C-alpha atoms as a PDB file:
ATOM      1  CA  MET A   1      17.186  -7.193   1.624  1.00  0.00           C
ATOM      2  CA  LYS A   2      17.708  -3.731   0.175  1.00  0.00           C
ATOM      3  CA  SER A   3      15.613  -0.976   1.761  1.00  0.00           C
ATOM      4  CA  THR A   4      15.014   2.456   0.242  1.00  0.00           C
ATOM      5  CA  PRO A   5      13.023   5.251   1.895  1.00  0.00           C
ATOM      6  CA  LEU A   6      10.801   6.947  -0.697  1.00  0.00           C
ATOM      7  CA  ALA A   7       9.962  10.658  -1.142  1.00  0.00           C
ATOM      8  CA  ILE A   8       7.939  10.288   2.066  1.00  0.00           C
ATOM      9  CA  PRO A   9      10.788   8.730   4.104  1.00  0.00           C
ATOM     10  CA  ASP A  10       8.553   6.697   6.444  1.00  0.00           C
ATOM     11  CA  VAL A  11       7.318   4.719   3.419  1.00  0.00           C
ATOM     12  CA  VAL A  12      10.032   2.182   2.611  1.00  0.00           C
ATOM     13  CA  LEU A  13      10.581   0.129  -0.537  1.00  0.00           C
ATOM     14  CA  LEU A  14      11.960  -3.351   0.219  1.00  0.00           C
ATOM     15  CA  GLU A  15      13.722  -5.403  -2.433  1.00  0.00           C
ATOM     16  CA  PRO A  16      14.672  -8.985  -1.604  1.00  0.00           C
ATOM     17  CA  ARG A  17      17.771 -10.749  -2.842  1.00  0.00           C
ATOM     18  CA  VAL A  18      16.481 -13.214  -5.418  1.00  0.00           C
ATOM     19  CA  PHE A  19      18.399 -16.385  -6.238  1.00  0.00           C
ATOM     20  CA  GLY A  20      17.455 -17.949  -9.546  1.00  0.00           C
ATOM     21  CA  ASP A  21      18.580 -20.600 -11.969  1.00  0.00           C
ATOM     22  CA  GLU A  22      17.012 -22.893 -14.555  1.00  0.00           C
ATOM     23  CA  ARG A  23      14.828 -24.466 -11.836  1.00  0.00           C
ATOM     24  CA  GLY A  24      13.168 -21.191 -10.835  1.00  0.00           C
ATOM     25  CA  PHE A  25      13.887 -18.775  -8.005  1.00  0.00           C
ATOM     26  CA  PHE A  26      14.083 -18.464  -4.236  1.00  0.00           C
ATOM     27  CA  PHE A  27      13.940 -15.426  -2.001  1.00  0.00           C
ATOM     28  CA  GLU A  28      13.306 -14.652   1.631  1.00  0.00           C
ATOM     29  CA  SER A  29      10.072 -12.641   1.579  1.00  0.00           C
ATOM     30  CA  PHE A  30      10.240 -11.630   5.243  1.00  0.00           C
ATOM     31  CA  ASN A  31      12.889 -11.520   7.958  1.00  0.00           C
ATOM     32  CA  GLN A  32      11.859  -9.813  11.222  1.00  0.00           C
ATOM     33  CA  ARG A  33      15.358  -8.546  12.105  1.00  0.00           C
ATOM     34  CA  GLU A  34      16.027  -7.108   8.654  1.00  0.00           C
ATOM     35  CA  PHE A  35      12.549  -5.598   8.410  1.00  0.00           C
ATOM     36  CA  ASP A  36      12.786  -3.900  11.829  1.00  0.00           C
ATOM     37  CA  SER A  37      16.195  -2.534  10.884  1.00  0.00           C
ATOM     38  CA  ALA A  38      14.879  -1.241   7.548  1.00  0.00           C
ATOM     39  CA  VAL A  39      11.935   0.629   9.110  1.00  0.00           C
ATOM     40  CA  GLY A  40      13.799   1.706  12.253  1.00  0.00           C
ATOM     41  CA  LYS A  41      11.558   0.086  14.849  1.00  0.00           C
ATOM     42  CA  SER A  42      10.095  -3.200  15.991  1.00  0.00           C
ATOM     43  CA  VAL A  43       6.874  -4.040  14.142  1.00  0.00           C
ATOM     44  CA  GLN A  44       4.461  -6.871  14.863  1.00  0.00           C
ATOM     45  CA  PHE A  45       1.985  -8.113  12.275  1.00  0.00           C
ATOM     46  CA  VAL A  46      -1.334  -9.525  13.453  1.00  0.00           C
ATOM     47  CA  GLN A  47      -3.274 -10.172  10.246  1.00  0.00           C
ATOM     48  CA  SER A  48      -2.503 -11.347   6.713  1.00  0.00           C
ATOM     49  CA  ASN A  49      -4.810 -10.580   3.763  1.00  0.00           C
ATOM     50  CA  HIS A  50      -4.860 -11.807   0.161  1.00  0.00           C
ATOM     51  CA  SER A  51      -6.934 -10.254  -2.610  1.00  0.00           C
ATOM     52  CA  ARG A  52      -7.365 -10.985  -6.299  1.00  0.00           C
ATOM     53  CA  SER A  53      -8.584  -8.258  -8.636  1.00  0.00           C
ATOM     54  CA  THR A  54      -9.021  -7.889 -12.372  1.00  0.00           C
ATOM     55  CA  GLN A  55      -7.529  -5.213 -14.614  1.00  0.00           C
ATOM     56  CA  HIS A  56      -8.634  -1.632 -13.896  1.00  0.00           C
ATOM     57  CA  VAL A  57      -9.890  -2.459 -10.384  1.00  0.00           C
ATOM     58  CA  LEU A  58      -8.921   0.355  -8.049  1.00  0.00           C
ATOM     59  CA  ARG A  59      -9.107  -0.306  -4.313  1.00  0.00           C
ATOM     60  CA  GLY A  60      -8.732   2.645  -1.972  1.00  0.00           C
ATOM     61  CA  LEU A  61      -7.832   4.984  -0.588  1.00  0.00           C
ATOM     62  CA  HIS A  62      -8.433   3.104   2.688  1.00  0.00           C
ATOM     63  CA  TYR A  63      -7.390   3.684   6.279  1.00  0.00           C
ATOM     64  CA  GLN A  64      -8.661   3.147   9.823  1.00  0.00           C
ATOM     65  CA  ILE A  65      -8.981   6.316  11.891  1.00  0.00           C
ATOM     66  CA  ARG A  66      -8.643   4.212  15.074  1.00  0.00           C
ATOM     67  CA  GLN A  67      -6.651   0.996  15.239  1.00  0.00           C
ATOM     68  CA  ALA A  68      -4.492   2.480  12.480  1.00  0.00           C
ATOM     69  CA  GLN A  69      -2.825  -0.233  10.437  1.00  0.00           C
ATOM     70  CA  GLY A  70       0.704  -0.357   9.174  1.00  0.00           C
ATOM     71  CA  LYS A  71       0.848  -2.493   6.039  1.00  0.00           C
ATOM     72  CA  LEU A  72       3.578  -4.523   4.375  1.00  0.00           C
ATOM     73  CA  VAL A  73       2.306  -5.117   0.844  1.00  0.00           C
ATOM     74  CA  ARG A  74       3.420  -7.122  -2.187  1.00  0.00           C
ATOM     75  CA  VAL A  75       2.091  -8.659  -5.382  1.00  0.00           C
ATOM     76  CA  VAL A  76       2.423 -12.401  -6.071  1.00  0.00           C
ATOM     77  CA  ALA A  77       0.698 -12.439  -9.480  1.00  0.00           C
ATOM     78  CA  GLY A  78       0.349  -9.584 -11.947  1.00  0.00           C
ATOM     79  CA  GLU A  79       1.146  -5.910 -11.444  1.00  0.00           C
ATOM     80  CA  VAL A  80      -0.329  -2.954  -9.570  1.00  0.00           C
ATOM     81  CA  PHE A  81       0.409   0.715  -9.037  1.00  0.00           C
ATOM     82  CA  ASP A  82       0.409   1.099  -5.258  1.00  0.00           C
ATOM     83  CA  VAL A  83      -0.164   4.423  -3.459  1.00  0.00           C
ATOM     84  CA  ALA A  84       0.334   5.694   0.098  1.00  0.00           C
ATOM     85  CA  VAL A  85      -1.012   9.084   1.253  1.00  0.00           C
ATOM     86  CA  ASP A  86       0.307  10.742   4.414  1.00  0.00           C
ATOM     87  CA  LEU A  87      -2.640  11.599   6.693  1.00  0.00           C
ATOM     88  CA  ARG A  88      -0.567  12.653   9.718  1.00  0.00           C
ATOM     89  CA  ARG A  89      -1.377  16.345  10.240  1.00  0.00           C
ATOM     90  CA  SER A  90       1.848  16.860  12.245  1.00  0.00           C
ATOM     91  CA  SER A  91       4.004  15.430   9.435  1.00  0.00           C
ATOM     92  CA  ALA A  92       6.048  17.592   7.061  1.00  0.00           C
ATOM     93  CA  THR A  93       4.652  15.420   4.242  1.00  0.00           C
ATOM     94  CA  PHE A  94       0.982  15.682   5.278  1.00  0.00           C
ATOM     95  CA  GLY A  95      -1.276  15.395   2.214  1.00  0.00           C
ATOM     96  CA  GLN A  96       1.502  14.108  -0.038  1.00  0.00           C
ATOM     97  CA  TRP A  97       1.474  10.752  -1.796  1.00  0.00           C
ATOM     98  CA  VAL A  98       3.993   8.275  -3.155  1.00  0.00           C
ATOM     99  CA  GLY A  99       3.350   5.569  -5.726  1.00  0.00           C
ATOM    100  CA  MET A 100       5.270   2.499  -6.780  1.00  0.00           C
ATOM    101  CA  VAL A 101       4.827  -0.339  -9.255  1.00  0.00           C
ATOM    102  CA  LEU A 102       4.693  -3.651  -7.435  1.00  0.00           C
ATOM    103  CA  SER A 103       4.636  -6.864  -9.422  1.00  0.00           C
ATOM    104  CA  ALA A 104       5.219 -10.580  -9.220  1.00  0.00           C
ATOM    105  CA  GLU A 105       8.157  -9.998 -11.540  1.00  0.00           C
ATOM    106  CA  ASN A 106       9.956  -7.264  -9.561  1.00  0.00           C
ATOM    107  CA  LYS A 107       9.116  -8.855  -6.150  1.00  0.00           C
ATOM    108  CA  LYS A 108       9.273  -5.435  -4.463  1.00  0.00           C
ATOM    109  CA  GLN A 109       7.408  -4.815  -1.222  1.00  0.00           C
ATOM    110  CA  LEU A 110       6.228  -1.576   0.307  1.00  0.00           C
ATOM    111  CA  TRP A 111       6.053  -0.705   3.999  1.00  0.00           C
ATOM    112  CA  ILE A 112       3.263   1.782   4.679  1.00  0.00           C
ATOM    113  CA  PRO A 113       3.250   2.790   8.351  1.00  0.00           C
ATOM    114  CA  PRO A 114       0.176   3.633  10.427  1.00  0.00           C
ATOM    115  CA  GLY A 115      -1.145   7.105   9.630  1.00  0.00           C
ATOM    116  CA  PHE A 116      -1.430   6.614   5.873  1.00  0.00           C
ATOM    117  CA  ALA A 117      -4.255   5.925   3.446  1.00  0.00           C
ATOM    118  CA  HIS A 118      -3.523   3.134   0.985  1.00  0.00           C
ATOM    119  CA  GLY A 119      -4.795   2.132  -2.419  1.00  0.00           C
ATOM    120  CA  PHE A 120      -3.809   0.410  -5.634  1.00  0.00           C
ATOM    121  CA  VAL A 121      -4.953  -0.047  -9.210  1.00  0.00           C
ATOM    122  CA  VAL A 122      -4.425  -3.263 -11.178  1.00  0.00           C
ATOM    123  CA  VAL A 123      -2.544  -2.591 -14.422  1.00  0.00           C
ATOM    124  CA  SER A 124      -2.146  -6.211 -15.574  1.00  0.00           C
ATOM    125  CA  GLU A 125      -4.911  -8.631 -16.621  1.00  0.00           C
ATOM    126  CA  TYR A 126      -5.330  -9.493 -12.930  1.00  0.00           C
ATOM    127  CA  ALA A 127      -3.288  -9.248  -9.743  1.00  0.00           C
ATOM    128  CA  GLU A 128      -3.028 -11.096  -6.466  1.00  0.00           C
ATOM    129  CA  PHE A 129      -2.087  -8.773  -3.644  1.00  0.00           C
ATOM    130  CA  LEU A 130      -0.836  -9.713  -0.156  1.00  0.00           C
ATOM    131  CA  TYR A 131      -0.774  -7.445   2.839  1.00  0.00           C
ATOM    132  CA  ASN A 132       0.261  -8.006   6.410  1.00  0.00           C
ATOM    133  CA  THR A 133      -1.194  -5.534   8.890  1.00  0.00           C
ATOM    134  CA  THR A 134      -0.127  -4.302  12.321  1.00  0.00           C
ATOM    135  CA  ASP A 135      -3.672  -4.107  13.672  1.00  0.00           C
ATOM    136  CA  TYR A 136      -6.894  -5.961  13.063  1.00  0.00           C
ATOM    137  CA  TRP A 137      -9.543  -4.904  10.573  1.00  0.00           C
ATOM    138  CA  ALA A 138     -12.087  -2.714  12.358  1.00  0.00           C
ATOM    139  CA  PRO A 139     -14.905  -1.837   9.945  1.00  0.00           C
ATOM    140  CA  GLU A 140     -16.381   0.705  12.369  1.00  0.00           C
ATOM    141  CA  HIS A 141     -13.145   2.740  12.089  1.00  0.00           C
ATOM    142  CA  GLU A 142     -12.598   2.249   8.361  1.00  0.00           C
ATOM    143  CA  ARG A 143     -12.528   5.384   6.212  1.00  0.00           C
ATOM    144  CA  CYS A 144     -12.082   6.010   2.491  1.00  0.00           C
ATOM    145  CA  ILE A 145     -10.795   9.014   0.565  1.00  0.00           C
ATOM    146  CA  ILE A 146     -12.019   9.276  -3.024  1.00  0.00           C
ATOM    147  CA  TRP A 147      -9.415   7.978  -5.473  1.00  0.00           C
ATOM    148  CA  ASP A 148      -9.562  11.002  -7.800  1.00  0.00           C
ATOM    149  CA  ASP A 149      -9.412  13.731  -5.154  1.00  0.00           C
ATOM    150  CA  ALA A 150      -8.358  17.004  -6.811  1.00  0.00           C
ATOM    151  CA  THR A 151      -6.242  18.153  -3.849  1.00  0.00           C
ATOM    152  CA  LEU A 152      -4.179  14.948  -3.770  1.00  0.00           C
ATOM    153  CA  ALA A 153      -3.949  14.800  -7.587  1.00  0.00           C
ATOM    154  CA  ILE A 154      -2.651  11.230  -7.645  1.00  0.00           C
ATOM    155  CA  ASP A 155      -1.231  10.355 -11.039  1.00  0.00           C
ATOM    156  CA  TRP A 156      -2.865   6.943 -11.448  1.00  0.00           C
ATOM    157  CA  PRO A 157      -1.655   5.094 -14.595  1.00  0.00           C
ATOM    158  CA  LEU A 158      -5.168   4.552 -15.930  1.00  0.00           C
ATOM    159  CA  THR A 159      -5.991   3.363 -19.436  1.00  0.00           C
ATOM    160  CA  ALA A 160      -9.736   3.085 -18.699  1.00  0.00           C
ATOM    161  CA  HIS A 161     -12.158   4.289 -16.066  1.00  0.00           C
ATOM    162  CA  PRO A 162     -11.385   2.334 -12.876  1.00  0.00           C
ATOM    163  CA  VAL A 163     -13.684  -0.369 -11.542  1.00  0.00           C
ATOM    164  CA  LEU A 164     -14.714   0.675  -8.024  1.00  0.00           C
ATOM    165  CA  SER A 165     -16.695  -0.762  -5.142  1.00  0.00           C
ATOM    166  CA  ALA A 166     -19.656   1.295  -3.920  1.00  0.00           C
ATOM    167  CA  LYS A 167     -17.628   2.235  -0.829  1.00  0.00           C
ATOM    168  CA  ASP A 168     -14.688   3.447  -2.914  1.00  0.00           C
ATOM    169  CA  ALA A 169     -16.906   5.346  -5.358  1.00  0.00           C
ATOM    170  CA  GLY A 170     -18.434   7.181  -2.388  1.00  0.00           C
ATOM    171  CA  GLY A 171     -15.161   8.118  -0.702  1.00  0.00           C
ATOM    172  CA  THR A 172     -14.702  11.437   1.077  1.00  0.00           C
ATOM    173  CA  VAL A 173     -12.653  14.265  -0.406  1.00  0.00           C
ATOM    174  CA  PHE A 174      -9.289  14.797   1.277  1.00  0.00           C
ATOM    175  CA  ASN A 175     -10.146  18.240   2.706  1.00  0.00           C
ATOM    176  CA  GLU A 176     -13.141  16.760   4.574  1.00  0.00           C
ATOM    177  CA  ALA A 177     -11.524  13.471   5.638  1.00  0.00           C
ATOM    178  CA  GLU A 178     -10.754  12.542   9.211  1.00  0.00           C
ATOM    179  CA  VAL A 179      -6.988  12.530   9.642  1.00  0.00           C
ATOM    180  CA  TYR A 180      -4.441  11.729  12.334  1.00  0.00           C
ATOM    181  CA  ASP A 181      -2.817  14.297  14.655  1.00  0.00           C
END
């Protein structure tokens, strides 16, 4: 597995070695030793989630202010533009974001450590998205930053107005959001 720290170095792009021939392909989607080496620490996942969304659906920017979740994310059908926003006030990259195209075709994965908000927009007809998390979902601690926050100025690759849940449409602006120390 190839690992590449992004512009926010704690967010790591993971690219598996894919073996293919006329029968199809094979790749190791997760290896604990290689993953821990790539992110520089031992990580334990406790929950796996799978979502399916149609084109233009934008989910995010989500985080849990307590029971912060690290997320290992990938797409198994379709394509998304995936975003991580650093919410760690003590970080040199506080308030910055990174984005990456994840698709079934490129098989890339993204490690987003605890302390980040996360979101994605579906750019294909539909997408199926998998994420493993380091802590359990805790709705009482869940927070949402509005996707089009002017301070963050995320460059979403939109070709239409995004389809949002009521929660996402009512997200908080970054400058008023609860953040991590």
